Amino acid sequence: MISAIVCLRESPMGIGKMARATIVPSRLMPAKPKVNCKPVVWSGGPSRSYSTFNAHSATSSSTEERKSGKRLTIWPKVKAFTTFTASGTLVIGAAGLSVVVIYLILSELFSPSGDTQIFNRSVSLIEKDEIARALLQCNDTEDSKERLKAYGEIFTSDKWTRNRPIVSTKKIDKNGKAHYFMRFHVESRKKRGLVHIEAVESDKNYQPDFKSMYLDVAGEQRYYLIKPQLGTVAKPKGFLGVNWGPKRN
């Protein structure tokens, strides 16, 4: 089988074969055949030489460019997807944390069983009680009454009352009811007292019911604003639930 190498040339008359061409047998051709041709210069203008083997090299180079282009286009997509996933996770996590914080704040400030509501109710009761005001030696007149200060425990020498936290505890009894214990200070211009509160979850109302509330003032006797209810003691029964012996009047 004989392979022919054809060289083309460009001339004013069109593209035609070149004057010289070398025919080489296919068995003797190297892996990359070389074209032995000389361009013919026409007097009418410059001429160019063309080879049919350039088409194969152009096709292979374009294929490699497509593969490299695909590799380059995949990486930005992966990077964008990773960035979007991380950003979405952060946004969802921040939104969930914000919802939890808002719920805790609202439940503490506006919940009937929150410490804030119990504290405000107890301070109002003390301000309205005449005996408590007398123990605190409030400077009251017929036209105005002295306003009391209420704050939590004094852990530091900070004068700002909002930096003094209120001591409160919540416990659940064997019946599943919540009991609230609280302690805070009340102060007038002359005296300062310590208030102890115990409240229990109510079966009828949304707000807890005060079980006991008392005020301790230095040098004064303890004063109960709300006295605790003493539990009734069950009478002992006899053997098998029957009281044997004579009936007592």
Protein backbone atom coordinates (compact mmCIF):
# COMPACT_ATOMS: atom_id res chain seq x y z
CA MET A 1 0.00 0.00 0.00
CA ILE A 2 1.41 3.41 -0.97
CA SER A 3 0.59 6.59 0.91
CA ALA A 4 0.79 9.83 -0.94
CA ILE A 5 1.53 13.15 0.69
CA VAL A 6 -0.25 15.91 -1.07
CA CYS A 7 0.79 19.52 -0.61
CA LEU A 8 -1.63 22.23 -1.51
CA ARG A 9 -0.87 25.71 -2.49
CA GLU A 10 -2.78 28.88 -2.77
CA SER A 11 -2.60 30.91 -5.93
CA PRO A 12 -4.64 33.53 -7.68
CA MET A 13 -6.28 30.74 -9.67
CA GLY A 14 -7.31 28.84 -6.51
CA ILE A 15 -5.91 26.04 -4.44
CA GLY A 16 -4.05 23.42 -6.42
CA LYS A 17 -1.41 20.80 -6.04
CA MET A 18 2.20 21.80 -5.64
CA ALA A 19 4.76 21.17 -8.25
CA ARG A 20 6.82 18.74 -6.21
CA ALA A 21 5.59 15.96 -3.95
CA THR A 22 7.29 12.93 -2.58
CA ILE A 23 5.48 9.60 -2.53
CA VAL A 24 6.65 7.32 0.25
CA PRO A 25 5.47 3.76 0.82
CA SER A 26 3.40 3.34 3.95
CA ARG A 27 5.74 0.73 5.40
CA LEU A 28 8.72 3.05 5.17
CA MET A 29 6.90 6.05 6.60
CA PRO A 30 7.91 7.11 10.11
CA ALA A 31 5.41 7.59 12.97
CA LYS A 32 5.24 11.29 12.17
CA PRO A 33 5.73 11.71 8.41
CA LYS A 34 7.52 14.77 7.18
CA VAL A 35 6.42 16.54 4.10
CA ASN A 36 9.16 17.25 1.61
CA CYS A 37 7.72 19.97 -0.46
CA LYS A 38 8.68 23.40 -1.53
CA PRO A 39 6.20 26.19 -2.00
CA VAL A 40 6.04 27.70 -5.46
CA VAL A 41 6.19 31.45 -5.51
CA TRP A 42 3.88 32.98 -8.06
CA SER A 43 4.56 36.28 -9.58
CA GLY A 44 0.98 37.30 -9.00
CA GLY A 45 1.36 37.28 -5.18
CA PRO A 46 2.51 35.31 -2.14
CA SER A 47 1.58 31.67 -1.81
CA ARG A 48 0.98 29.38 1.21
CA SER A 49 1.43 25.67 1.76
CA TYR A 50 -1.21 23.42 3.41
CA SER A 51 -0.90 19.95 4.82
CA THR A 52 -3.73 17.47 5.45
CA PHE A 53 -2.06 16.28 8.67
CA ASN A 54 -2.82 19.56 10.50
CA ALA A 55 -6.47 18.55 10.92
CA HIS A 56 -5.61 15.64 13.21
CA SER A 57 -3.36 17.74 15.45
CA ALA A 58 -6.00 20.47 15.71
CA THR A 59 -8.66 17.91 16.67
CA SER A 60 -6.50 16.37 19.42
CA SER A 61 -5.63 19.77 20.87
CA SER A 62 -9.27 20.83 20.90
CA THR A 63 -10.22 17.58 22.71
CA GLU A 64 -7.61 18.21 25.39
CA GLU A 65 -8.85 21.76 25.79
CA ARG A 66 -12.40 20.51 26.30
CA LYS A 67 -11.29 18.03 28.98
CA SER A 68 -9.28 20.66 30.80
CA GLY A 69 -12.21 23.06 30.47
CA LYS A 70 -14.54 20.53 32.08
CA ARG A 71 -12.11 20.06 34.97
CA LEU A 72 -11.91 23.79 35.48
CA THR A 73 -15.70 24.22 35.46
CA ILE A 74 -16.33 21.44 38.04
CA TRP A 75 -14.11 22.91 40.76
CA PRO A 76 -15.89 26.29 40.99
CA LYS A 77 -19.23 24.47 41.26
CA VAL A 78 -17.96 22.31 44.13
CA LYS A 79 -16.52 25.35 45.86
CA ALA A 80 -19.75 27.32 45.46
CA PHE A 81 -21.83 24.40 46.78
CA THR A 82 -19.58 24.02 49.84
CA THR A 83 -19.75 27.73 50.59
CA PHE A 84 -23.55 27.77 50.21
CA THR A 85 -23.95 24.74 52.50
CA ALA A 86 -21.73 26.23 55.22
CA SER A 87 -23.48 29.60 55.04
CA GLY A 88 -26.92 27.99 55.17
CA THR A 89 -25.93 25.91 58.20
CA LEU A 90 -24.68 28.98 60.04
CA VAL A 91 -27.83 30.95 59.22
CA ILE A 92 -30.15 28.14 60.38
CA GLY A 93 -28.14 27.63 63.58
CA ALA A 94 -28.17 31.34 64.38
CA ALA A 95 -31.92 31.53 63.75
CA GLY A 96 -32.58 28.56 66.04
CA LEU A 97 -30.42 30.02 68.80
CA SER A 98 -32.20 33.37 68.49
CA VAL A 99 -35.60 31.67 68.84
CA VAL A 100 -34.46 29.88 72.01
CA VAL A 101 -33.09 33.09 73.56
CA ILE A 102 -36.24 35.05 72.72
CA TYR A 103 -38.42 32.29 74.21
CA LEU A 104 -36.42 32.27 77.45
CA ILE A 105 -36.58 36.06 77.77
CA LEU A 106 -40.32 36.21 77.11
CA SER A 107 -41.06 33.33 79.47
CA GLU A 108 -39.02 35.01 82.20
CA LEU A 109 -40.54 38.47 81.78
CA PHE A 110 -44.15 37.70 80.92
CA SER A 111 -44.77 34.18 82.25
CA PRO A 112 -47.10 34.23 85.30
CA SER A 113 -44.82 31.75 87.07
CA GLY A 114 -41.61 33.61 86.21
CA ASP A 115 -39.39 35.17 88.85
CA THR A 116 -40.11 38.67 87.58
CA GLN A 117 -43.87 38.34 88.02
CA ILE A 118 -43.58 36.76 91.48
CA PHE A 119 -41.16 39.48 92.57
CA ASN A 120 -43.42 42.31 91.36
CA ARG A 121 -46.49 40.83 93.05
CA SER A 122 -44.71 40.40 96.39
CA VAL A 123 -43.27 43.94 96.34
CA SER A 124 -46.76 45.32 95.67
CA LEU A 125 -48.13 43.43 98.68
CA ILE A 126 -45.41 44.80 100.96
CA GLU A 127 -45.93 48.38 99.78
CA LYS A 128 -49.66 48.13 100.52
CA ASP A 129 -49.21 46.56 103.98
CA GLU A 130 -49.31 49.17 106.76
CA ILE A 131 -47.57 47.02 109.38
CA ALA A 132 -44.68 46.25 107.03
CA ARG A 133 -44.28 49.94 106.28
CA ALA A 134 -44.29 50.73 109.98
CA LEU A 135 -41.56 48.17 110.66
CA LEU A 136 -39.47 49.74 107.91
CA GLN A 137 -40.19 53.22 109.38
CA CYS A 138 -41.32 54.66 106.07
CA ASN A 139 -41.69 58.42 105.94
CA ASP A 140 -45.37 58.47 104.99
CA THR A 141 -47.69 61.46 105.04
CA GLU A 142 -51.34 61.96 104.23
CA ASP A 143 -50.52 63.18 100.75
CA SER A 144 -47.68 60.87 99.76
CA LYS A 145 -46.02 57.64 100.73
CA GLU A 146 -42.37 56.75 100.59
CA ARG A 147 -41.46 54.42 97.79
CA LEU A 148 -39.57 51.29 98.84
CA LYS A 149 -36.52 49.88 97.13
CA ALA A 150 -36.45 46.15 96.39
CA TYR A 151 -33.39 44.26 95.20
CA GLY A 152 -31.63 40.93 95.44
CA GLU A 153 -28.65 39.71 97.41
CA ILE A 154 -25.76 42.03 98.17
CA PHE A 155 -22.70 40.21 96.87
CA THR A 156 -20.71 43.33 96.02
CA SER A 157 -20.60 46.97 97.03
CA ASP A 158 -22.27 47.99 93.79
CA LYS A 159 -24.84 50.70 94.39
CA TRP A 160 -26.84 49.84 91.27
CA THR A 161 -29.75 47.67 92.37
CA ARG A 162 -30.10 46.03 88.96
CA ASN A 163 -26.72 44.34 89.49
CA ARG A 164 -27.98 42.55 92.62
CA PRO A 165 -29.55 39.22 91.59
CA ILE A 166 -32.62 37.77 93.25
CA VAL A 167 -32.18 34.37 94.88
CA SER A 168 -34.90 32.00 93.68
CA THR A 169 -35.36 28.24 93.64
CA LYS A 170 -37.90 25.99 91.95
CA LYS A 171 -38.72 22.50 93.23
CA ILE A 172 -41.23 19.84 92.20
CA ASP A 173 -43.03 17.91 94.93
CA LYS A 174 -44.19 14.30 94.85
CA ASN A 175 -47.55 15.37 93.39
CA GLY A 176 -45.90 17.09 90.43
CA LYS A 177 -46.60 20.64 91.60
CA ALA A 178 -43.96 23.34 91.34
CA HIS A 179 -42.91 25.22 94.48
CA TYR A 180 -41.15 28.58 94.17
CA PHE A 181 -38.84 29.94 96.87
CA MET A 182 -37.54 33.51 96.71
CA ARG A 183 -35.59 35.90 98.90
CA PHE A 184 -34.88 39.60 98.41
CA HIS A 185 -34.35 42.85 100.31
CA VAL A 186 -36.67 45.83 100.80
CA GLU A 187 -35.31 49.14 101.97
CA SER A 188 -36.63 52.50 103.11
CA ARG A 189 -34.65 55.58 104.02
CA LYS A 190 -34.23 54.36 107.62
CA LYS A 191 -34.60 50.58 107.67
CA ARG A 192 -33.90 47.53 105.59
CA GLY A 193 -35.63 44.17 105.75
CA LEU A 194 -35.35 40.69 104.27
CA VAL A 195 -38.38 39.08 102.61
CA HIS A 196 -38.90 35.32 102.27
CA ILE A 197 -41.53 33.94 99.90
CA GLU A 198 -42.89 30.50 99.16
CA ALA A 199 -45.39 30.06 96.33
CA VAL A 200 -46.99 26.93 94.92
CA GLU A 201 -48.45 26.18 91.52
CA SER A 202 -52.17 26.90 91.45
CA ASP A 203 -54.84 24.52 90.17
CA LYS A 204 -57.26 27.33 89.32
CA ASN A 205 -55.15 30.35 88.35
CA TYR A 206 -52.28 30.90 85.97
CA GLN A 207 -50.29 32.67 88.67
CA PRO A 208 -48.79 30.70 91.56
CA ASP A 209 -50.47 31.07 94.94
CA PHE A 210 -48.44 32.50 97.81
CA LYS A 211 -48.10 29.90 100.52
CA SER A 212 -46.12 32.02 102.96
CA MET A 213 -44.49 35.45 103.05
CA TYR A 214 -42.72 37.06 105.97
CA LEU A 215 -40.52 40.08 106.64
CA ASP A 216 -37.48 40.18 108.92
CA VAL A 217 -36.30 43.60 110.11
CA ALA A 218 -33.29 43.96 112.38
CA GLY A 219 -34.41 44.53 115.98
CA GLU A 220 -38.06 43.70 115.21
CA GLN A 221 -40.16 40.58 115.50
CA ARG A 222 -40.77 38.54 112.37
CA TYR A 223 -43.91 39.67 110.61
CA TYR A 224 -45.97 37.28 108.46
CA LEU A 225 -47.78 38.94 105.60
CA ILE A 226 -49.12 35.50 104.60
CA LYS A 227 -49.06 32.79 107.25
CA PRO A 228 -48.34 29.23 106.13
CA GLN A 229 -51.21 26.80 106.44
CA LEU A 230 -50.50 24.05 108.92
CA GLY A 231 -51.23 20.57 107.65
CA THR A 232 -53.94 18.56 109.40
CA VAL A 233 -52.72 15.54 111.33
CA ALA A 234 -54.71 12.37 110.66
CA LYS A 235 -56.15 10.65 113.72
CA PRO A 236 -54.71 7.21 114.37
CA LYS A 237 -57.06 4.34 113.72
CA GLY A 238 -57.33 1.09 115.60
CA PHE A 239 -56.73 -2.43 114.46
CA LEU A 240 -58.22 -3.15 110.99
CA GLY A 241 -59.52 0.42 110.82
CA VAL A 242 -61.82 -0.02 113.82
CA ASN A 243 -61.47 1.84 117.11
CA TRP A 244 -61.92 -0.75 119.80
CA GLY A 245 -63.10 0.16 123.27
CA PRO A 246 -65.74 2.48 124.69
CA LYS A 247 -66.83 5.46 122.65
CA ARG A 248 -65.53 8.81 123.84
CA ASN A 249 -67.67 11.87 123.84
